[in-house]
Amino acid sequence: MKVTVEVDCTPEEARSFLGLPDVSKANDVYVDNIAKAMQGVTSIEQLQGYVKQVAPMGEIGLKLFQQFMEQGGMSGFSGKNAKD
């Protein structure tokens, strides 16, 4: 037996329902700081060096995040469309 439940809500409603904290203010500060820092970047090497410094856990954290995103993207392709 297969049951499908579809919930139509905003991200804020979902966060509240799941009991997760609202981190939008912290995210805004982080994005503003990154945007300000990126204004001085003039080459790819500078950008890579900056990302390695800023990323949580440095280069290892960045690689883990890339793997996570790649796996998440691949699972999205193997969902409904693969059965059709």
PDB file of N, CA and C in Angstrom:
ATOM      1  N   MET A   1       0.854  -1.176   0.000  1.00  0.00           N
ATOM      2  CA  MET A   1       0.000   0.000   0.000  1.00  0.00           C
ATOM      3  C   MET A   1       0.896   1.232   0.000  1.00  0.00           C
ATOM      4  N   LYS A   2       0.535   2.199  -0.811  1.00  0.00           N
ATOM      5  CA  LYS A   2       1.316   3.417  -0.922  1.00  0.00           C
ATOM      6  C   LYS A   2       0.401   4.598  -0.631  1.00  0.00           C
ATOM      7  N   VAL A   3       0.847   5.477   0.266  1.00  0.00           N
ATOM      8  CA  VAL A   3       0.086   6.660   0.639  1.00  0.00           C
ATOM      9  C   VAL A   3       0.940   7.883   0.332  1.00  0.00           C
ATOM     10  N   THR A   4       0.360   8.834  -0.359  1.00  0.00           N
ATOM     11  CA  THR A   4       1.057  10.071  -0.675  1.00  0.00           C
ATOM     12  C   THR A   4       0.324  11.228  -0.014  1.00  0.00           C
ATOM     13  N   VAL A   5       1.093  12.058   0.701  1.00  0.00           N
ATOM     14  CA  VAL A   5       0.523  13.226   1.365  1.00  0.00           C
ATOM     15  C   VAL A   5       1.210  14.453   0.796  1.00  0.00           C
ATOM     16  N   GLU A   6       0.439  15.407   0.345  1.00  0.00           N
ATOM     17  CA  GLU A   6       0.981  16.642  -0.206  1.00  0.00           C
ATOM     18  C   GLU A   6       0.612  17.788   0.726  1.00  0.00           C
ATOM     19  N   VAL A   7       1.619  18.543   1.141  1.00  0.00           N
ATOM     20  CA  VAL A   7       1.405  19.666   2.051  1.00  0.00           C
ATOM     21  C   VAL A   7       1.768  20.944   1.313  1.00  0.00           C
ATOM     22  N   ASP A   8       0.854  21.882   1.292  1.00  0.00           N
ATOM     23  CA  ASP A   8       1.081  23.164   0.636  1.00  0.00           C
ATOM     24  C   ASP A   8       1.287  24.213   1.722  1.00  0.00           C
ATOM     25  N   CYS A   9       2.536  24.632   1.911  1.00  0.00           N
ATOM     26  CA  CYS A   9       2.830  25.637   2.930  1.00  0.00           C
ATOM     27  C   CYS A   9       4.072  26.423   2.523  1.00  0.00           C
ATOM     28  N   THR A  10       4.266  27.534   3.187  1.00  0.00           N
ATOM     29  CA  THR A  10       5.447  28.357   2.935  1.00  0.00           C
ATOM     30  C   THR A  10       6.635  27.761   3.694  1.00  0.00           C
ATOM     31  N   PRO A  11       7.848  28.155   3.340  1.00  0.00           N
ATOM     32  CA  PRO A  11       9.008  27.677   4.101  1.00  0.00           C
ATOM     33  C   PRO A  11       8.928  28.048   5.585  1.00  0.00           C
ATOM     34  N   GLU A  12       8.404  29.232   5.882  1.00  0.00           N
ATOM     35  CA  GLU A  12       8.265  29.654   7.272  1.00  0.00           C
ATOM     36  C   GLU A  12       7.298  28.750   8.031  1.00  0.00           C
ATOM     37  N   GLU A  13       6.191  28.390   7.388  1.00  0.00           N
ATOM     38  CA  GLU A  13       5.219  27.497   8.022  1.00  0.00           C
ATOM     39  C   GLU A  13       5.815  26.112   8.237  1.00  0.00           C
ATOM     40  N   ALA A  14       6.552  25.621   7.278  1.00  0.00           N
ATOM     41  CA  ALA A  14       7.181  24.300   7.411  1.00  0.00           C
ATOM     42  C   ALA A  14       8.204  24.308   8.538  1.00  0.00           C
ATOM     43  N   ARG A  15       9.007  25.367   8.612  1.00  0.00           N
ATOM     44  CA  ARG A  15      10.015  25.488   9.670  1.00  0.00           C
ATOM     45  C   ARG A  15       9.352  25.504  11.037  1.00  0.00           C
ATOM     46  N   SER A  16       8.284  26.257  11.167  1.00  0.00           N
ATOM     47  CA  SER A  16       7.556  26.336  12.431  1.00  0.00           C
ATOM     48  C   SER A  16       6.944  24.988  12.796  1.00  0.00           C
ATOM     49  N   PHE A  17       6.349  24.321  11.818  1.00  0.00           N
ATOM     50  CA  PHE A  17       5.716  23.024  12.046  1.00  0.00           C
ATOM     51  C   PHE A  17       6.733  21.983  12.518  1.00  0.00           C
ATOM     52  N   LEU A  18       7.939  22.023  11.947  1.00  0.00           N
ATOM     53  CA  LEU A  18       8.977  21.067  12.311  1.00  0.00           C
ATOM     54  C   LEU A  18       9.754  21.477  13.559  1.00  0.00           C
ATOM     55  N   GLY A  19       9.489  22.675  14.073  1.00  0.00           N
ATOM     56  CA  GLY A  19      10.163  23.135  15.278  1.00  0.00           C
ATOM     57  C   GLY A  19      11.577  23.632  15.047  1.00  0.00           C
ATOM     58  N   LEU A  20      11.884  24.027  13.812  1.00  0.00           N
ATOM     59  CA  LEU A  20      13.218  24.523  13.491  1.00  0.00           C
ATOM     60  C   LEU A  20      13.300  26.020  13.755  1.00  0.00           C
ATOM     61  N   PRO A  21      14.469  26.522  14.138  1.00  0.00           N
ATOM     62  CA  PRO A  21      14.604  27.953  14.420  1.00  0.00           C
ATOM     63  C   PRO A  21      14.587  28.791  13.147  1.00  0.00           C
ATOM     64  N   ASP A  22      14.178  30.042  13.286  1.00  0.00           N
ATOM     65  CA  ASP A  22      14.205  30.982  12.164  1.00  0.00           C
ATOM     66  C   ASP A  22      15.595  31.617  12.116  1.00  0.00           C
ATOM     67  N   VAL A  23      16.355  31.292  11.095  1.00  0.00           N
ATOM     68  CA  VAL A  23      17.726  31.795  10.974  1.00  0.00           C
ATOM     69  C   VAL A  23      17.846  32.824   9.847  1.00  0.00           C
ATOM     70  N   SER A  24      16.725  33.414   9.460  1.00  0.00           N
ATOM     71  CA  SER A  24      16.753  34.343   8.328  1.00  0.00           C
ATOM     72  C   SER A  24      17.611  35.576   8.617  1.00  0.00           C
ATOM     73  N   LYS A  25      17.596  36.080   9.847  1.00  0.00           N
ATOM     74  CA  LYS A  25      18.424  37.254  10.173  1.00  0.00           C
ATOM     75  C   LYS A  25      19.906  36.909  10.105  1.00  0.00           C
ATOM     76  N   ALA A  26      20.279  35.755  10.638  1.00  0.00           N
ATOM     77  CA  ALA A  26      21.679  35.330  10.572  1.00  0.00           C
ATOM     78  C   ALA A  26      22.096  35.094   9.120  1.00  0.00           C
ATOM     79  N   ASN A  27      21.200  34.530   8.326  1.00  0.00           N
ATOM     80  CA  ASN A  27      21.483  34.301   6.916  1.00  0.00           C
ATOM     81  C   ASN A  27      21.681  35.619   6.177  1.00  0.00           C
ATOM     82  N   ASP A  28      20.862  36.619   6.485  1.00  0.00           N
ATOM     83  CA  ASP A  28      20.998  37.929   5.842  1.00  0.00           C
ATOM     84  C   ASP A  28      22.362  38.545   6.144  1.00  0.00           C
ATOM     85  N   VAL A  29      22.805  38.449   7.392  1.00  0.00           N
ATOM     86  CA  VAL A  29      24.109  38.990   7.774  1.00  0.00           C
ATOM     87  C   VAL A  29      25.217  38.252   7.044  1.00  0.00           C
ATOM     88  N   TYR A  30      25.115  36.926   6.989  1.00  0.00           N
ATOM     89  CA  TYR A  30      26.130  36.109   6.310  1.00  0.00           C
ATOM     90  C   TYR A  30      26.206  36.466   4.830  1.00  0.00           C
ATOM     91  N   VAL A  31      25.063  36.565   4.176  1.00  0.00           N
ATOM     92  CA  VAL A  31      25.032  36.883   2.746  1.00  0.00           C
ATOM     93  C   VAL A  31      25.585  38.286   2.492  1.00  0.00           C
ATOM     94  N   ASP A  32      25.247  39.244   3.336  1.00  0.00           N
ATOM     95  CA  ASP A  32      25.778  40.602   3.180  1.00  0.00           C
ATOM     96  C   ASP A  32      27.296  40.622   3.300  1.00  0.00           C
ATOM     97  N   ASN A  33      27.835  39.894   4.286  1.00  0.00           N
ATOM     98  CA  ASN A  33      29.288  39.848   4.465  1.00  0.00           C
ATOM     99  C   ASN A  33      29.977  39.181   3.276  1.00  0.00           C
ATOM    100  N   ILE A  34      29.395  38.117   2.763  1.00  0.00           N
ATOM    101  CA  ILE A  34      29.973  37.441   1.604  1.00  0.00           C
ATOM    102  C   ILE A  34      29.936  38.364   0.385  1.00  0.00           C
ATOM    103  N   ALA A  35      28.820  39.060   0.184  1.00  0.00           N
ATOM    104  CA  ALA A  35      28.698  39.965  -0.958  1.00  0.00           C
ATOM    105  C   ALA A  35      29.721  41.088  -0.883  1.00  0.00           C
ATOM    106  N   LYS A  36      29.929  41.643   0.307  1.00  0.00           N
ATOM    107  CA  LYS A  36      30.921  42.710   0.475  1.00  0.00           C
ATOM    108  C   LYS A  36      32.330  42.192   0.194  1.00  0.00           C
ATOM    109  N   ALA A  37      32.624  40.989   0.666  1.00  0.00           N
ATOM    110  CA  ALA A  37      33.952  40.422   0.465  1.00  0.00           C
ATOM    111  C   ALA A  37      34.192  40.100  -1.006  1.00  0.00           C
ATOM    112  N   MET A  38      33.161  39.681  -1.716  1.00  0.00           N
ATOM    113  CA  MET A  38      33.305  39.307  -3.126  1.00  0.00           C
ATOM    114  C   MET A  38      33.538  40.515  -4.023  1.00  0.00           C
ATOM    115  N   GLN A  39      33.236  41.702  -3.565  1.00  0.00           N
ATOM    116  CA  GLN A  39      33.428  42.891  -4.396  1.00  0.00           C
ATOM    117  C   GLN A  39      34.897  43.126  -4.713  1.00  0.00           C
ATOM    118  N   GLY A  40      35.804  42.654  -3.848  1.00  0.00           N
ATOM    119  CA  GLY A  40      37.231  42.858  -4.079  1.00  0.00           C
ATOM    120  C   GLY A  40      37.898  41.736  -4.840  1.00  0.00           C
ATOM    121  N   VAL A  41      37.172  40.695  -5.189  1.00  0.00           N
ATOM    122  CA  VAL A  41      37.754  39.547  -5.880  1.00  0.00           C
ATOM    123  C   VAL A  41      37.910  39.872  -7.362  1.00  0.00           C
ATOM    124  N   THR A  42      39.142  39.691  -7.858  1.00  0.00           N
ATOM    125  CA  THR A  42      39.394  40.018  -9.263  1.00  0.00           C
ATOM    126  C   THR A  42      39.848  38.814 -10.081  1.00  0.00           C
ATOM    127  N   SER A  43      40.057  37.657  -9.431  1.00  0.00           N
ATOM    128  CA  SER A  43      40.484  36.475 -10.183  1.00  0.00           C
ATOM    129  C   SER A  43      39.902  35.214  -9.547  1.00  0.00           C
ATOM    130  N   ILE A  44      39.926  34.140 -10.307  1.00  0.00           N
ATOM    131  CA  ILE A  44      39.428  32.850  -9.840  1.00  0.00           C
ATOM    132  C   ILE A  44      40.244  32.355  -8.642  1.00  0.00           C
ATOM    133  N   GLU A  45      41.553  32.570  -8.667  1.00  0.00           N
ATOM    134  CA  GLU A  45      42.422  32.113  -7.576  1.00  0.00           C
ATOM    135  C   GLU A  45      42.047  32.803  -6.270  1.00  0.00           C
ATOM    136  N   GLN A  46      41.779  34.101  -6.333  1.00  0.00           N
ATOM    137  CA  GLN A  46      41.358  34.830  -5.134  1.00  0.00           C
ATOM    138  C   GLN A  46      40.031  34.284  -4.613  1.00  0.00           C
ATOM    139  N   LEU A  47      39.122  34.004  -5.525  1.00  0.00           N
ATOM    140  CA  LEU A  47      37.813  33.483  -5.141  1.00  0.00           C
ATOM    141  C   LEU A  47      37.952  32.116  -4.473  1.00  0.00           C
ATOM    142  N   GLN A  48      38.753  31.233  -5.037  1.00  0.00           N
ATOM    143  CA  GLN A  48      38.954  29.909  -4.458  1.00  0.00           C
ATOM    144  C   GLN A  48      39.592  30.004  -3.076  1.00  0.00           C
ATOM    145  N   GLY A  49      40.578  30.857  -2.929  1.00  0.00           N
ATOM    146  CA  GLY A  49      41.225  31.045  -1.625  1.00  0.00           C
ATOM    147  C   GLY A  49      40.258  31.566  -0.588  1.00  0.00           C
ATOM    148  N   TYR A  50      39.415  32.494  -1.001  1.00  0.00           N
ATOM    149  CA  TYR A  50      38.443  33.070  -0.070  1.00  0.00           C
ATOM    150  C   TYR A  50      37.405  32.026   0.343  1.00  0.00           C
ATOM    151  N   VAL A  51      36.926  31.246  -0.603  1.00  0.00           N
ATOM    152  CA  VAL A  51      35.917  30.222  -0.301  1.00  0.00           C
ATOM    153  C   VAL A  51      36.484  29.191   0.662  1.00  0.00           C
ATOM    154  N   LYS A  52      37.733  28.807   0.473  1.00  0.00           N
ATOM    155  CA  LYS A  52      38.354  27.825   1.369  1.00  0.00           C
ATOM    156  C   LYS A  52      38.435  28.362   2.798  1.00  0.00           C
ATOM    157  N   GLN A  53      38.660  29.655   2.948  1.00  0.00           N
ATOM    158  CA  GLN A  53      38.755  30.254   4.278  1.00  0.00           C
ATOM    159  C   GLN A  53      37.391  30.395   4.934  1.00  0.00           C
ATOM    160  N   VAL A  54      36.394  30.745   4.160  1.00  0.00           N
ATOM    161  CA  VAL A  54      35.072  31.059   4.703  1.00  0.00           C
ATOM    162  C   VAL A  54      34.226  29.810   4.937  1.00  0.00           C
ATOM    163  N   ALA A  55      34.390  28.814   4.094  1.00  0.00           N
ATOM    164  CA  ALA A  55      33.556  27.611   4.178  1.00  0.00           C
ATOM    165  C   ALA A  55      33.772  26.926   5.527  1.00  0.00           C
ATOM    166  N   PRO A  56      32.677  26.414   6.127  1.00  0.00           N
ATOM    167  CA  PRO A  56      32.831  25.678   7.381  1.00  0.00           C
ATOM    168  C   PRO A  56      33.774  24.492   7.183  1.00  0.00           C
ATOM    169  N   MET A  57      34.709  24.326   8.072  1.00  0.00           N
ATOM    170  CA  MET A  57      35.715  23.253   8.013  1.00  0.00           C
ATOM    171  C   MET A  57      36.623  23.398   6.796  1.00  0.00           C
ATOM    172  N   GLY A  58      36.688  24.572   6.214  1.00  0.00           N
ATOM    173  CA  GLY A  58      37.603  24.820   5.102  1.00  0.00           C
ATOM    174  C   GLY A  58      37.284  23.992   3.874  1.00  0.00           C
ATOM    175  N   GLU A  59      38.327  23.491   3.249  1.00  0.00           N
ATOM    176  CA  GLU A  59      38.178  22.769   1.985  1.00  0.00           C
ATOM    177  C   GLU A  59      37.416  21.454   2.168  1.00  0.00           C
ATOM    178  N   ILE A  60      37.613  20.784   3.289  1.00  0.00           N
ATOM    179  CA  ILE A  60      36.911  19.511   3.541  1.00  0.00           C
ATOM    180  C   ILE A  60      35.403  19.750   3.607  1.00  0.00           C
ATOM    181  N   GLY A  61      35.001  20.793   4.306  1.00  0.00           N
ATOM    182  CA  GLY A  61      33.582  21.114   4.394  1.00  0.00           C
ATOM    183  C   GLY A  61      32.995  21.445   3.037  1.00  0.00           C
ATOM    184  N   LEU A  62      33.760  22.141   2.217  1.00  0.00           N
ATOM    185  CA  LEU A  62      33.291  22.494   0.879  1.00  0.00           C
ATOM    186  C   LEU A  62      33.102  21.242   0.018  1.00  0.00           C
ATOM    187  N   LYS A  63      34.037  20.303   0.107  1.00  0.00           N
ATOM    188  CA  LYS A  63      33.908  19.060  -0.661  1.00  0.00           C
ATOM    189  C   LYS A  63      32.711  18.243  -0.184  1.00  0.00           C
ATOM    190  N   LEU A  64      32.507  18.185   1.133  1.00  0.00           N
ATOM    191  CA  LEU A  64      31.353  17.461   1.663  1.00  0.00           C
ATOM    192  C   LEU A  64      30.050  18.088   1.181  1.00  0.00           C
ATOM    193  N   PHE A  65      30.001  19.426   1.152  1.00  0.00           N
ATOM    194  CA  PHE A  65      28.811  20.128   0.692  1.00  0.00           C
ATOM    195  C   PHE A  65      28.565  19.837  -0.789  1.00  0.00           C
ATOM    196  N   GLN A  66      29.626  19.828  -1.598  1.00  0.00           N
ATOM    197  CA  GLN A  66      29.487  19.533  -3.019  1.00  0.00           C
ATOM    198  C   GLN A  66      28.957  18.120  -3.224  1.00  0.00           C
ATOM    199  N   GLN A  67      29.474  17.157  -2.457  1.00  0.00           N
ATOM    200  CA  GLN A  67      28.993  15.781  -2.565  1.00  0.00           C
ATOM    201  C   GLN A  67      27.519  15.693  -2.172  1.00  0.00           C
ATOM    202  N   PHE A  68      27.161  16.397  -1.115  1.00  0.00           N
ATOM    203  CA  PHE A  68      25.777  16.404  -0.652  1.00  0.00           C
ATOM    204  C   PHE A  68      24.856  16.954  -1.736  1.00  0.00           C
ATOM    205  N   MET A  69      25.251  18.048  -2.371  1.00  0.00           N
ATOM    206  CA  MET A  69      24.430  18.659  -3.411  1.00  0.00           C
ATOM    207  C   MET A  69      24.335  17.748  -4.637  1.00  0.00           C
ATOM    208  N   GLU A  70      25.437  17.101  -5.004  1.00  0.00           N
ATOM    209  CA  GLU A  70      25.415  16.201  -6.155  1.00  0.00           C
ATOM    210  C   GLU A  70      24.497  15.009  -5.899  1.00  0.00           C
ATOM    211  N   GLN A  71      24.565  14.443  -4.709  1.00  0.00           N
ATOM    212  CA  GLN A  71      23.716  13.305  -4.366  1.00  0.00           C
ATOM    213  C   GLN A  71      22.256  13.723  -4.309  1.00  0.00           C
ATOM    214  N   GLY A  72      21.987  14.904  -3.781  1.00  0.00           N
ATOM    215  CA  GLY A  72      20.619  15.406  -3.726  1.00  0.00           C
ATOM    216  C   GLY A  72      20.073  15.663  -5.109  1.00  0.00           C
ATOM    217  N   GLY A  73      20.894  16.178  -5.997  1.00  0.00           N
ATOM    218  CA  GLY A  73      20.465  16.415  -7.376  1.00  0.00           C
ATOM    219  C   GLY A  73      20.199  15.124  -8.106  1.00  0.00           C
ATOM    220  N   MET A  74      21.021  14.130  -7.878  1.00  0.00           N
ATOM    221  CA  MET A  74      20.837  12.847  -8.549  1.00  0.00           C
ATOM    222  C   MET A  74      19.581  12.144  -8.039  1.00  0.00           C
ATOM    223  N   SER A  75      19.283  12.261  -6.748  1.00  0.00           N
ATOM    224  CA  SER A  75      18.083  11.601  -6.224  1.00  0.00           C
ATOM    225  C   SER A  75      16.828  12.272  -6.770  1.00  0.00           C
ATOM    226  N   GLY A  76      16.919  13.560  -7.083  1.00  0.00           N
ATOM    227  CA  GLY A  76      15.781  14.245  -7.684  1.00  0.00           C
ATOM    228  C   GLY A  76      15.486  13.732  -9.078  1.00  0.00           C
ATOM    229  N   PHE A  77      16.516  13.340  -9.812  1.00  0.00           N
ATOM    230  CA  PHE A  77      16.321  12.816 -11.157  1.00  0.00           C
ATOM    231  C   PHE A  77      15.826  11.374 -11.147  1.00  0.00           C
ATOM    232  N   SER A  78      16.116  10.647 -10.084  1.00  0.00           N
ATOM    233  CA  SER A  78      15.716   9.242 -10.044  1.00  0.00           C
ATOM    234  C   SER A  78      14.350   9.056  -9.402  1.00  0.00           C
ATOM    235  N   GLY A  79      13.610  10.138  -9.180  1.00  0.00           N
ATOM    236  CA  GLY A  79      12.304  10.065  -8.549  1.00  0.00           C
ATOM    237  C   GLY A  79      11.214   9.715  -9.530  1.00  0.00           C
ATOM    238  N   LYS A  80      10.214  10.559  -9.647  1.00  0.00           N
ATOM    239  CA  LYS A  80       9.034  10.301 -10.485  1.00  0.00           C
ATOM    240  C   LYS A  80       9.396  10.086 -11.949  1.00  0.00           C
ATOM    241  N   ASN A  81      10.303  10.905 -12.462  1.00  0.00           N
ATOM    242  CA  ASN A  81      10.606  10.856 -13.897  1.00  0.00           C
ATOM    243  C   ASN A  81      11.192   9.526 -14.329  1.00  0.00           C
ATOM    244  N   ALA A  82      11.907   8.845 -13.432  1.00  0.00           N
ATOM    245  CA  ALA A  82      12.525   7.577 -13.795  1.00  0.00           C
ATOM    246  C   ALA A  82      11.459   6.502 -14.007  1.00  0.00           C
ATOM    247  N   LYS A  83      10.335   6.616 -13.334  1.00  0.00           N
ATOM    248  CA  LYS A  83       9.271   5.611 -13.449  1.00  0.00           C
ATOM    249  C   LYS A  83       8.406   5.850 -14.673  1.00  0.00           C
ATOM    250  N   ASP A  84       8.330   7.088 -15.151  1.00  0.00           N
ATOM    251  CA  ASP A  84       7.459   7.438 -16.280  1.00  0.00           C
ATOM    252  C   ASP A  84       8.008   6.958 -17.593  1.00  0.00           C
TER     253      ASP A  84
END
